[in-house]
Amino acid sequence: MLPPQRISYGRSRRRRAHHAMEAISIGVDPVSGMPKLHHRASAESGYVRPGLTVVVHKLGIGAPKKKKKAEGGEQV
């Protein structure tokens, strides 16, 4: 049985060239216009993709904003 052949310097460098890190691609939320990561829910609107909106009331994701009470005791 023969010993395995040593991998050449150039071959290992070519292999490692494909392992480079890529920059994170950031998209724009079409509902709120704020930047968001792909395949993630937007913090403002809860938008993920067309037809899917996530609502997490505890974290405030996609939930309607609470309206402040009017000053002076007037009810709106």
N, C-alpha and C. Protein backbone atom coordinates (compact mmCIF):
# COMPACT_ATOMS: atom_id res chain seq x y z
N MET A 1 0.84 -1.18 0.00
CA MET A 1 0.00 0.00 0.00
C MET A 1 0.89 1.24 0.00
N LEU A 2 0.56 2.18 -0.87
CA LEU A 2 1.36 3.38 -1.00
C LEU A 2 0.84 4.48 -0.06
N PRO A 3 1.75 5.32 0.43
CA PRO A 3 1.30 6.44 1.27
C PRO A 3 0.57 7.48 0.41
N PRO A 4 -0.39 8.21 0.98
CA PRO A 4 -1.11 9.21 0.20
C PRO A 4 -0.17 10.33 -0.25
N GLN A 5 -0.44 10.84 -1.41
CA GLN A 5 0.41 11.90 -1.96
C GLN A 5 0.10 13.22 -1.26
N ARG A 6 1.14 13.99 -0.99
CA ARG A 6 0.98 15.28 -0.32
C ARG A 6 0.25 16.24 -1.26
N ILE A 7 -0.71 17.00 -0.73
CA ILE A 7 -1.43 17.99 -1.53
C ILE A 7 -0.51 19.18 -1.75
N SER A 8 -0.42 19.62 -2.99
CA SER A 8 0.49 20.71 -3.34
C SER A 8 0.00 22.03 -2.74
N TYR A 9 0.93 22.97 -2.62
CA TYR A 9 0.64 24.29 -2.05
C TYR A 9 -0.42 25.01 -2.88
N GLY A 10 -0.28 24.98 -4.20
CA GLY A 10 -1.22 25.67 -5.07
C GLY A 10 -2.62 25.08 -5.01
N ARG A 11 -2.69 23.75 -4.91
CA ARG A 11 -4.00 23.10 -4.86
C ARG A 11 -4.74 23.45 -3.58
N SER A 12 -4.03 23.46 -2.45
CA SER A 12 -4.68 23.81 -1.19
C SER A 12 -5.09 25.28 -1.17
N ARG A 13 -4.31 26.17 -1.80
CA ARG A 13 -4.67 27.59 -1.88
C ARG A 13 -5.92 27.78 -2.74
N ARG A 14 -6.03 27.04 -3.83
CA ARG A 14 -7.21 27.15 -4.69
C ARG A 14 -8.46 26.68 -3.94
N ARG A 15 -8.32 25.63 -3.14
CA ARG A 15 -9.45 25.13 -2.37
C ARG A 15 -9.90 26.17 -1.35
N ARG A 16 -8.95 26.78 -0.66
CA ARG A 16 -9.27 27.76 0.36
C ARG A 16 -9.87 29.05 -0.23
N ALA A 17 -9.64 29.30 -1.49
CA ALA A 17 -10.18 30.51 -2.13
C ALA A 17 -11.70 30.48 -2.15
N HIS A 18 -12.30 29.30 -2.12
CA HIS A 18 -13.75 29.19 -2.14
C HIS A 18 -14.36 29.30 -0.74
N HIS A 19 -13.53 29.36 0.28
CA HIS A 19 -14.03 29.42 1.66
C HIS A 19 -14.10 30.85 2.19
N ALA A 20 -13.92 31.84 1.33
CA ALA A 20 -13.89 33.23 1.77
C ALA A 20 -15.27 33.66 2.28
N MET A 21 -15.26 34.57 3.24
CA MET A 21 -16.50 35.10 3.79
C MET A 21 -17.12 36.08 2.80
N GLU A 22 -18.44 36.13 2.79
CA GLU A 22 -19.15 37.07 1.93
C GLU A 22 -19.86 38.09 2.80
N ALA A 23 -20.06 39.28 2.26
CA ALA A 23 -20.75 40.33 3.00
C ALA A 23 -22.23 39.98 3.14
N ILE A 24 -22.84 40.43 4.23
CA ILE A 24 -24.25 40.20 4.47
C ILE A 24 -25.05 41.09 3.54
N SER A 25 -26.01 40.49 2.83
CA SER A 25 -26.84 41.28 1.94
C SER A 25 -28.06 41.79 2.70
N ILE A 26 -28.27 43.08 2.66
CA ILE A 26 -29.36 43.72 3.39
C ILE A 26 -30.37 44.21 2.38
N GLY A 27 -31.63 43.84 2.58
CA GLY A 27 -32.71 44.27 1.71
C GLY A 27 -33.51 45.39 2.36
N VAL A 28 -34.55 45.82 1.66
CA VAL A 28 -35.40 46.88 2.15
C VAL A 28 -36.81 46.31 2.36
N ASP A 29 -37.39 46.58 3.51
CA ASP A 29 -38.75 46.15 3.81
C ASP A 29 -39.72 46.97 2.96
N PRO A 30 -40.51 46.33 2.08
CA PRO A 30 -41.40 47.10 1.21
C PRO A 30 -42.55 47.78 1.96
N VAL A 31 -42.87 47.30 3.16
CA VAL A 31 -43.98 47.89 3.92
C VAL A 31 -43.53 49.16 4.64
N SER A 32 -42.44 49.07 5.40
CA SER A 32 -41.99 50.21 6.19
C SER A 32 -40.84 50.98 5.55
N GLY A 33 -40.15 50.38 4.59
CA GLY A 33 -39.03 51.04 3.94
C GLY A 33 -37.74 50.99 4.73
N MET A 34 -37.73 50.27 5.85
CA MET A 34 -36.54 50.16 6.69
C MET A 34 -35.69 48.97 6.21
N PRO A 35 -34.37 49.00 6.45
CA PRO A 35 -33.53 47.87 6.05
C PRO A 35 -33.80 46.64 6.91
N LYS A 36 -33.72 45.46 6.29
CA LYS A 36 -33.91 44.20 7.02
C LYS A 36 -33.07 43.12 6.37
N LEU A 37 -32.73 42.10 7.15
CA LEU A 37 -31.98 40.96 6.63
C LEU A 37 -32.93 40.04 5.87
N HIS A 38 -32.39 39.37 4.86
CA HIS A 38 -33.20 38.43 4.09
C HIS A 38 -33.62 37.26 4.98
N HIS A 39 -34.81 36.75 4.76
CA HIS A 39 -35.37 35.61 5.49
C HIS A 39 -35.54 35.91 6.98
N ARG A 40 -35.67 37.18 7.34
CA ARG A 40 -35.91 37.58 8.72
C ARG A 40 -37.11 38.50 8.75
N ALA A 41 -37.83 38.52 9.86
CA ALA A 41 -38.98 39.41 10.00
C ALA A 41 -38.51 40.82 10.30
N SER A 42 -39.19 41.80 9.71
CA SER A 42 -38.88 43.20 9.97
C SER A 42 -39.39 43.56 11.36
N ALA A 43 -38.61 44.31 12.14
CA ALA A 43 -39.01 44.66 13.50
C ALA A 43 -40.18 45.63 13.52
N GLU A 44 -40.30 46.47 12.50
CA GLU A 44 -41.38 47.46 12.49
C GLU A 44 -42.71 46.86 12.05
N SER A 45 -42.71 46.15 10.93
CA SER A 45 -43.97 45.68 10.35
C SER A 45 -44.19 44.18 10.49
N GLY A 46 -43.15 43.42 10.79
CA GLY A 46 -43.28 41.97 10.88
C GLY A 46 -43.28 41.28 9.53
N TYR A 47 -42.99 42.02 8.46
CA TYR A 47 -43.00 41.49 7.10
C TYR A 47 -41.83 40.53 6.91
N VAL A 48 -42.10 39.36 6.31
CA VAL A 48 -41.06 38.39 5.99
C VAL A 48 -40.98 38.23 4.47
N ARG A 49 -42.10 37.91 3.86
CA ARG A 49 -42.21 37.76 2.40
C ARG A 49 -43.67 37.99 2.03
N PRO A 50 -43.98 38.13 0.75
CA PRO A 50 -45.38 38.35 0.39
C PRO A 50 -46.29 37.24 0.91
N GLY A 51 -47.30 37.60 1.61
CA GLY A 51 -48.24 36.62 2.15
C GLY A 51 -47.89 36.14 3.55
N LEU A 52 -46.77 36.59 4.13
CA LEU A 52 -46.39 36.15 5.47
C LEU A 52 -45.95 37.35 6.30
N THR A 53 -46.72 37.62 7.34
CA THR A 53 -46.39 38.67 8.28
C THR A 53 -46.43 38.07 9.67
N VAL A 54 -45.39 38.29 10.46
CA VAL A 54 -45.28 37.73 11.79
C VAL A 54 -45.65 38.80 12.81
N VAL A 55 -46.44 38.41 13.82
CA VAL A 55 -46.81 39.33 14.89
C VAL A 55 -46.39 38.72 16.22
N VAL A 56 -45.52 39.44 16.94
CA VAL A 56 -45.08 39.02 18.27
C VAL A 56 -45.33 40.21 19.20
N HIS A 57 -46.46 40.17 19.91
CA HIS A 57 -46.84 41.30 20.76
C HIS A 57 -45.83 41.55 21.87
N LYS A 58 -45.27 40.49 22.44
CA LYS A 58 -44.34 40.63 23.56
C LYS A 58 -43.08 41.40 23.15
N LEU A 59 -42.61 41.20 21.92
CA LEU A 59 -41.41 41.89 21.44
C LEU A 59 -41.73 43.14 20.64
N GLY A 60 -43.00 43.37 20.35
CA GLY A 60 -43.40 44.54 19.59
C GLY A 60 -43.15 44.41 18.10
N ILE A 61 -43.02 43.18 17.60
CA ILE A 61 -42.77 42.95 16.18
C ILE A 61 -44.10 42.82 15.46
N GLY A 62 -44.34 43.71 14.53
CA GLY A 62 -45.55 43.65 13.73
C GLY A 62 -46.81 44.07 14.45
N ALA A 63 -46.70 44.41 15.72
CA ALA A 63 -47.87 44.82 16.49
C ALA A 63 -48.14 46.30 16.23
N PRO A 64 -49.40 46.70 16.22
CA PRO A 64 -49.69 48.13 16.04
C PRO A 64 -49.14 48.94 17.21
N LYS A 65 -48.67 50.15 16.90
CA LYS A 65 -48.10 51.01 17.93
C LYS A 65 -49.19 51.48 18.88
N LYS A 66 -48.86 51.54 20.17
CA LYS A 66 -49.82 52.02 21.16
C LYS A 66 -49.96 53.53 21.03
N LYS A 67 -51.22 54.00 21.04
CA LYS A 67 -51.47 55.43 20.94
C LYS A 67 -51.39 56.05 22.32
N LYS A 68 -50.75 57.21 22.38
CA LYS A 68 -50.64 57.91 23.65
C LYS A 68 -51.95 58.63 23.95
N LYS A 69 -52.29 58.72 25.22
CA LYS A 69 -53.50 59.44 25.62
C LYS A 69 -53.27 60.92 25.42
N ALA A 70 -54.33 61.60 25.01
CA ALA A 70 -54.24 63.05 24.78
C ALA A 70 -54.10 63.76 26.11
N GLU A 71 -53.31 64.83 26.12
CA GLU A 71 -53.11 65.59 27.36
C GLU A 71 -54.34 66.44 27.65
N GLY A 72 -54.54 66.80 28.92
CA GLY A 72 -55.65 67.66 29.32
C GLY A 72 -56.93 66.88 29.60
N GLY A 73 -56.87 65.58 29.61
CA GLY A 73 -58.03 64.79 29.97
C GLY A 73 -59.01 64.59 28.83
N GLU A 74 -58.74 65.11 27.66
CA GLU A 74 -59.65 64.93 26.53
C GLU A 74 -59.51 63.53 25.98
N GLN A 75 -60.61 62.97 25.56
CA GLN A 75 -60.60 61.63 24.99
C GLN A 75 -60.68 61.74 23.48
N VAL A 76 -59.86 60.98 22.81
CA VAL A 76 -59.84 61.04 21.34
C VAL A 76 -60.50 59.79 20.79
